[in-house]
């Protein structure tokens, strides 16, 4: 009986750690990637960055809570024969997490940025600006360089932040995990 309660308590703790990890990673990735995205556009504004950060963080958290990223990463690393807590495992784990989050976020954020820019161009056209002076906005010209940049930046962020957040959460919710080592 006590063993079943222990298992239920452990499962609850694991869910809490997973959810908090999703929130921590989603918010931190969104913070930095929104900054990189808005800066690389050449039109940095505080309002633009805050809006980008908020939308990106919301999407990231939802993705992290819905997609079992940890299970996917662990299964892929196991198929490659990598043991947990090794450098090869962490390198592949970071890459898989990055490829799940970053292209999707960059696509959504790029689509929103392109939509907003096209609205601004339409307003300028309605105000009488010569169409030859207005920029031609092509989503894929904006998306391809942005996705390459954010995948690279996202990979390093995940590689650095993921173990830090996990160590913090394990120390707080499963201190016995540090006694095992």
Foldseek 3Di string as FASTA:
>chain_A
DVVVVVVVLVVVLVLVLQLVLQLVLQLVLLLVLLVVLQVVVVNDDPVSSVVSSVVSSVVSSVLSNPDVLVVVLVVVCVVVVHDPPDPVSLLSSLLSVLVSRQLVSLLVSLVVVLVVLVVVLVVCVVVPDDNVPGDDDDSVVSRPVSSVVSSVVSSVCCSPVSVVSSVVSCVVRPVVVVVVD
